[in-house]
Amino acid sequence: MSTQPLVSPTPVRHPAVPCDPAGRVTRSLLGYGVLAGPLYVTVVLAQARLRPGFALAHDDASLLANGALGWIQRANFAVTGLMVIACAVGIGRALASGRGATWAPRLLSLYGAGLIGAGIFAADPMNGFPPGTAAGRPVAVSLPGTLHLVAAGLGFLGLIAATVVLARRFAARGARGWAAGSYATGLLFLAGFAGLASGSSSAAVVLGFWVALLVTWGWLAAVAVRLYREVGASRPEARTPAMAGRQP
C-alpha cells in the first residue's frame, strides 16, 4: 500500500496576477463605500462640537445646513452622496449578473441622490437652532423644507430596499450570516427612520436614529470590502465572486 500523503507538504504556488484595469476601476469605486460613512460622521460630529446651540442628542444633523456655516453640512451631504453613488456603480460592476445585480446599485444610487437632494434643499430651522430660532417645530413647512423631507425619505427607502435585495442575494448564495446581517440592518434603519419621521426630538429617538445610521454605514462598508477583496483576487482561478449570479 502506498504511504504517499494525500496532501503534498509543499503547496503549489501560483504567480501573482495583477488586477486588470477594469478590476482596478471597480475596486476604486467600491472604496468610496468604505470612506463615505466615516467622512459623513466626522463632519457632523465636528460641527456638533463647534456650532453653538446644536444638541446632538436632540437635533437632527439636517439642521446643520442652516446658518452662516450651513454650507459645511450641505457640502457634506453632497460629497457623501456622490461617494455612495460611486460605490453603487462599483457594486453593480462587481456583481455583474444574477439576483440583485441590477436593483442593488439602483437603490443605493437612490440613497446617494437623496443625500445630495437633502443638501440642496435645507431643512427648516427648529428647536432653537440656529441660535435665534424659536423653540419647537415651525408652524408651516417651507417648500425647501418639504423637498428636503421628500429627498431624504426617498433616499432612506432606497437604502432599506437595498439591504433587502442584497440580503436575498446573500441567502441565495448560502451566506446566511451576511443575509441575516443585511436584513437586520434594514429593519434597524427602518425603525430609526420611523422614529425620526414621528417628529419627536427626544434623546431616545434621535440617538436611536444615530445608532441605526452608524450600523448602516458599517454595513455598506462591509459589503464594499467583501466585493473589493473578491474583485482583487490575485489568481485567476480565485476570481469566483461569492456573490456571483452563477450557482456553485
Protein backbone atom coordinates (compact mmCIF):
# COMPACT_ATOMS: atom_id res chain seq x y z
CA MET A 1 0.00 0.00 0.00
CA SER A 2 1.35 3.39 -0.90
CA THR A 3 2.34 5.64 2.01
CA GLN A 4 2.26 8.82 -0.08
CA PRO A 5 0.40 11.60 1.82
CA LEU A 6 -2.94 12.76 0.47
CA VAL A 7 -1.83 16.40 0.58
CA SER A 8 1.54 17.47 -0.70
CA PRO A 9 3.65 19.04 2.08
CA THR A 10 4.87 21.64 -0.41
CA PRO A 11 1.97 23.71 -1.72
CA VAL A 12 2.00 24.70 -5.36
CA ARG A 13 2.50 28.44 -5.67
CA HIS A 14 0.79 30.36 -8.43
CA PRO A 15 2.39 33.50 -9.80
CA ALA A 16 0.59 36.64 -8.72
CA VAL A 17 -1.58 38.11 -11.45
CA PRO A 18 -2.20 41.85 -11.18
CA CYS A 19 -5.77 43.05 -11.15
CA ASP A 20 -6.90 44.04 -14.64
CA PRO A 21 -7.67 47.71 -15.40
CA ALA A 22 -11.43 47.16 -15.19
CA GLY A 23 -10.94 45.47 -11.84
CA ARG A 24 -8.88 48.39 -10.55
CA VAL A 25 -11.65 50.80 -11.50
CA THR A 26 -14.23 48.64 -9.74
CA ARG A 27 -12.12 48.45 -6.59
CA SER A 28 -11.62 52.20 -6.60
CA LEU A 29 -15.37 52.75 -6.83
CA LEU A 30 -16.02 50.28 -4.02
CA GLY A 31 -13.52 52.11 -1.86
CA TYR A 32 -15.85 55.09 -1.68
CA GLY A 33 -18.35 52.93 0.18
CA VAL A 34 -15.79 52.48 2.94
CA LEU A 35 -14.92 56.17 3.14
CA ALA A 36 -18.38 57.73 2.88
CA GLY A 37 -19.60 56.84 6.36
CA PRO A 38 -16.53 57.97 8.32
CA LEU A 39 -16.47 61.24 6.37
CA TYR A 40 -20.14 61.98 7.00
CA VAL A 41 -19.98 61.13 10.70
CA THR A 42 -16.73 63.03 11.31
CA VAL A 43 -18.02 66.22 9.70
CA VAL A 44 -21.29 66.07 11.65
CA LEU A 45 -19.58 65.38 14.98
CA ALA A 46 -17.12 68.22 14.41
CA GLN A 47 -19.97 70.63 13.75
CA ALA A 48 -21.95 69.35 16.73
CA ARG A 49 -18.93 70.13 18.86
CA LEU A 50 -18.17 73.56 17.45
CA ARG A 51 -21.51 75.12 16.49
CA PRO A 52 -23.32 76.82 19.38
CA GLY A 53 -26.87 75.74 20.10
CA PHE A 54 -26.71 72.34 18.39
CA ALA A 55 -27.51 69.37 20.64
CA LEU A 56 -26.55 66.04 19.11
CA ALA A 57 -28.96 64.16 21.37
CA HIS A 58 -31.98 66.24 20.32
CA ASP A 59 -31.26 67.85 16.92
CA ASP A 60 -31.19 66.10 13.57
CA ALA A 61 -27.99 66.55 11.57
CA SER A 62 -30.02 68.14 8.77
CA LEU A 63 -30.42 71.28 10.87
CA LEU A 64 -26.70 71.93 10.47
CA ALA A 65 -27.41 73.01 6.88
CA ASN A 66 -28.83 76.26 8.28
CA GLY A 67 -26.98 79.37 9.40
CA ALA A 68 -23.80 81.04 8.19
CA LEU A 69 -21.88 77.77 8.32
CA GLY A 70 -24.66 75.73 6.78
CA TRP A 71 -22.62 75.26 3.61
CA ILE A 72 -20.44 72.75 5.50
CA GLN A 73 -23.28 70.32 6.04
CA ARG A 74 -24.64 70.96 2.56
CA ALA A 75 -21.25 70.01 1.15
CA ASN A 76 -21.14 67.00 3.48
CA PHE A 77 -24.44 65.75 2.11
CA ALA A 78 -23.34 66.32 -1.49
CA VAL A 79 -19.89 64.71 -1.19
CA THR A 80 -21.06 61.65 0.73
CA GLY A 81 -23.98 61.28 -1.68
CA LEU A 82 -21.61 61.22 -4.63
CA MET A 83 -19.43 58.69 -2.81
CA VAL A 84 -22.41 56.42 -2.22
CA ILE A 85 -23.35 56.62 -5.90
CA ALA A 86 -19.76 55.78 -6.88
CA CYS A 87 -19.85 52.77 -4.56
CA ALA A 88 -23.19 51.72 -6.05
CA VAL A 89 -21.65 51.74 -9.51
CA GLY A 90 -18.78 49.63 -8.17
CA ILE A 91 -21.22 47.17 -6.61
CA GLY A 92 -23.05 46.86 -9.91
CA ARG A 93 -19.76 46.16 -11.71
CA ALA A 94 -18.70 43.63 -9.09
CA LEU A 95 -22.00 41.73 -9.01
CA ALA A 96 -22.16 41.70 -12.81
CA SER A 97 -25.24 39.48 -13.10
CA GLY A 98 -27.70 37.44 -11.13
CA ARG A 99 -30.12 38.29 -8.36
CA GLY A 100 -29.84 41.87 -7.18
CA ALA A 101 -27.16 42.85 -9.70
CA THR A 102 -29.48 45.43 -11.27
CA TRP A 103 -31.56 46.70 -8.38
CA ALA A 104 -28.97 46.80 -5.60
CA PRO A 105 -26.88 49.51 -7.30
CA ARG A 106 -30.00 51.38 -8.41
CA LEU A 107 -31.42 51.51 -4.90
CA LEU A 108 -28.10 52.52 -3.36
CA SER A 109 -27.80 55.23 -6.01
CA LEU A 110 -31.24 56.46 -4.93
CA TYR A 111 -29.88 56.78 -1.40
CA GLY A 112 -26.91 58.76 -2.70
CA ALA A 113 -29.20 61.01 -4.71
CA GLY A 114 -31.33 61.51 -1.61
CA LEU A 115 -28.30 62.73 0.31
CA ILE A 116 -27.46 65.16 -2.47
CA GLY A 117 -31.05 66.41 -2.54
CA ALA A 118 -31.02 66.83 1.23
CA GLY A 119 -28.02 69.11 0.80
CA ILE A 120 -29.57 71.16 -1.97
CA PHE A 121 -32.80 71.73 -0.02
CA ALA A 122 -32.15 72.60 3.62
CA ALA A 123 -34.43 71.50 6.43
CA ASP A 124 -36.36 74.27 8.16
CA PRO A 125 -34.73 75.72 11.30
CA MET A 126 -36.34 74.47 14.50
CA ASN A 127 -35.81 73.62 18.16
CA GLY A 128 -33.84 76.83 18.71
CA PHE A 129 -31.21 76.09 16.05
CA PRO A 130 -29.60 78.10 14.61
CA PRO A 131 -29.50 80.46 17.62
CA GLY A 132 -32.39 82.90 17.43
CA THR A 133 -34.82 80.30 16.05
CA ALA A 134 -38.00 79.77 18.06
CA ALA A 135 -38.25 76.65 20.18
CA GLY A 136 -40.23 73.72 18.80
CA ARG A 137 -41.17 73.00 15.22
CA PRO A 138 -42.25 75.63 12.68
CA VAL A 139 -45.97 76.14 12.23
CA ALA A 140 -45.70 75.68 8.46
CA VAL A 141 -43.07 73.78 6.47
CA SER A 142 -41.43 75.78 3.67
CA LEU A 143 -41.04 74.49 0.12
CA PRO A 144 -37.29 73.81 0.56
CA GLY A 145 -38.07 72.08 3.85
CA THR A 146 -40.68 69.91 2.14
CA LEU A 147 -38.30 68.99 -0.68
CA HIS A 148 -35.66 68.14 1.92
CA LEU A 149 -38.02 65.70 3.59
CA VAL A 150 -39.00 64.15 0.25
CA ALA A 151 -35.38 63.72 -0.87
CA ALA A 152 -34.29 62.25 2.46
CA GLY A 153 -37.33 59.99 2.67
CA LEU A 154 -36.85 58.56 -0.82
CA GLY A 155 -33.17 58.06 -0.16
CA PHE A 156 -33.81 56.24 3.10
CA LEU A 157 -36.39 53.97 1.46
CA GLY A 158 -33.90 53.18 -1.30
CA LEU A 159 -31.28 52.26 1.30
CA ILE A 160 -33.68 49.99 3.20
CA ALA A 161 -34.74 48.26 -0.02
CA ALA A 162 -31.09 47.77 -0.99
CA THR A 163 -30.41 45.89 2.25
CA VAL A 164 -33.30 43.54 1.45
CA VAL A 165 -32.19 42.98 -2.15
CA LEU A 166 -28.63 42.17 -1.11
CA ALA A 167 -29.87 40.02 1.77
CA ARG A 168 -31.81 37.89 -0.71
CA ARG A 169 -28.74 37.57 -2.90
CA PHE A 170 -26.62 36.52 0.06
CA ALA A 171 -29.26 33.98 1.10
CA ALA A 172 -29.38 32.52 -2.40
CA ARG A 173 -25.62 32.03 -2.23
CA GLY A 174 -25.78 30.32 1.15
CA ALA A 175 -24.14 33.22 3.01
CA ARG A 176 -26.66 33.09 5.84
CA GLY A 177 -24.72 35.33 8.20
CA TRP A 178 -24.46 38.09 5.60
CA ALA A 179 -28.13 37.68 4.72
CA ALA A 180 -29.21 37.93 8.37
CA GLY A 181 -26.97 40.93 8.92
CA SER A 182 -28.39 42.69 5.89
CA TYR A 183 -31.98 42.03 6.94
CA ALA A 184 -31.22 43.20 10.49
CA THR A 185 -29.59 46.37 9.18
CA GLY A 186 -32.61 47.20 7.06
CA LEU A 187 -35.04 46.61 9.93
CA LEU A 188 -32.96 48.68 12.34
CA PHE A 189 -32.72 51.56 9.93
CA LEU A 190 -36.45 51.37 9.19
CA ALA A 191 -37.17 51.61 12.92
CA GLY A 192 -34.80 54.57 13.30
CA PHE A 193 -36.31 56.31 10.29
CA ALA A 194 -39.84 55.75 11.60
CA GLY A 195 -38.88 57.26 14.94
CA LEU A 196 -37.36 60.31 13.29
CA ALA A 197 -40.35 60.73 10.98
CA SER A 198 -42.62 60.84 14.01
CA GLY A 199 -41.33 64.33 14.70
CA SER A 200 -40.07 63.53 18.16
CA SER A 201 -36.87 65.26 19.28
CA SER A 202 -36.38 63.08 22.36
CA ALA A 203 -32.92 61.73 23.03
CA ALA A 204 -34.13 58.15 22.63
CA VAL A 205 -35.44 58.81 19.11
CA VAL A 206 -32.58 60.99 17.85
CA LEU A 207 -29.80 58.86 19.32
CA GLY A 208 -31.62 55.73 18.17
CA PHE A 209 -31.54 57.02 14.63
CA TRP A 210 -27.84 57.77 15.01
CA VAL A 211 -27.20 54.18 16.09
CA ALA A 212 -29.15 52.89 13.10
CA LEU A 213 -27.24 55.21 10.76
CA LEU A 214 -23.87 54.12 12.12
CA VAL A 215 -24.77 50.45 11.74
CA THR A 216 -25.94 51.08 8.17
CA TRP A 217 -22.76 52.90 7.21
CA GLY A 218 -20.86 49.95 8.68
CA TRP A 219 -22.94 47.51 6.64
CA LEU A 220 -22.24 49.40 3.41
CA ALA A 221 -18.53 49.43 4.19
CA ALA A 222 -18.55 45.70 4.94
CA VAL A 223 -20.29 44.87 1.66
CA ALA A 224 -17.85 47.10 -0.23
CA VAL A 225 -14.84 45.42 1.41
CA ARG A 226 -16.20 41.96 0.66
CA LEU A 227 -16.60 42.76 -3.02
CA TYR A 228 -13.31 44.66 -3.10
CA ARG A 229 -11.48 41.53 -1.98
CA GLU A 230 -13.27 39.34 -4.49
CA VAL A 231 -12.51 41.64 -7.41
CA GLY A 232 -8.89 41.91 -6.31
CA ALA A 233 -8.20 38.17 -6.04
CA SER A 234 -4.62 37.56 -7.13
CA ARG A 235 -5.14 34.29 -9.02
CA PRO A 236 -7.47 33.91 -11.99
CA GLU A 237 -8.96 30.70 -10.55
CA ALA A 238 -9.69 32.56 -7.31
CA ARG A 239 -11.78 35.18 -9.05
CA THR A 240 -15.10 33.47 -8.47
CA PRO A 241 -17.19 36.10 -6.67
CA ALA A 242 -19.07 34.63 -3.72
CA MET A 243 -21.98 36.81 -4.76
CA ALA A 244 -21.86 35.97 -8.44
CA GLY A 245 -25.04 35.14 -10.27
CA ARG A 246 -23.81 31.62 -11.14
CA GLN A 247 -24.79 28.90 -8.72
CA PRO A 248 -21.94 26.73 -7.36
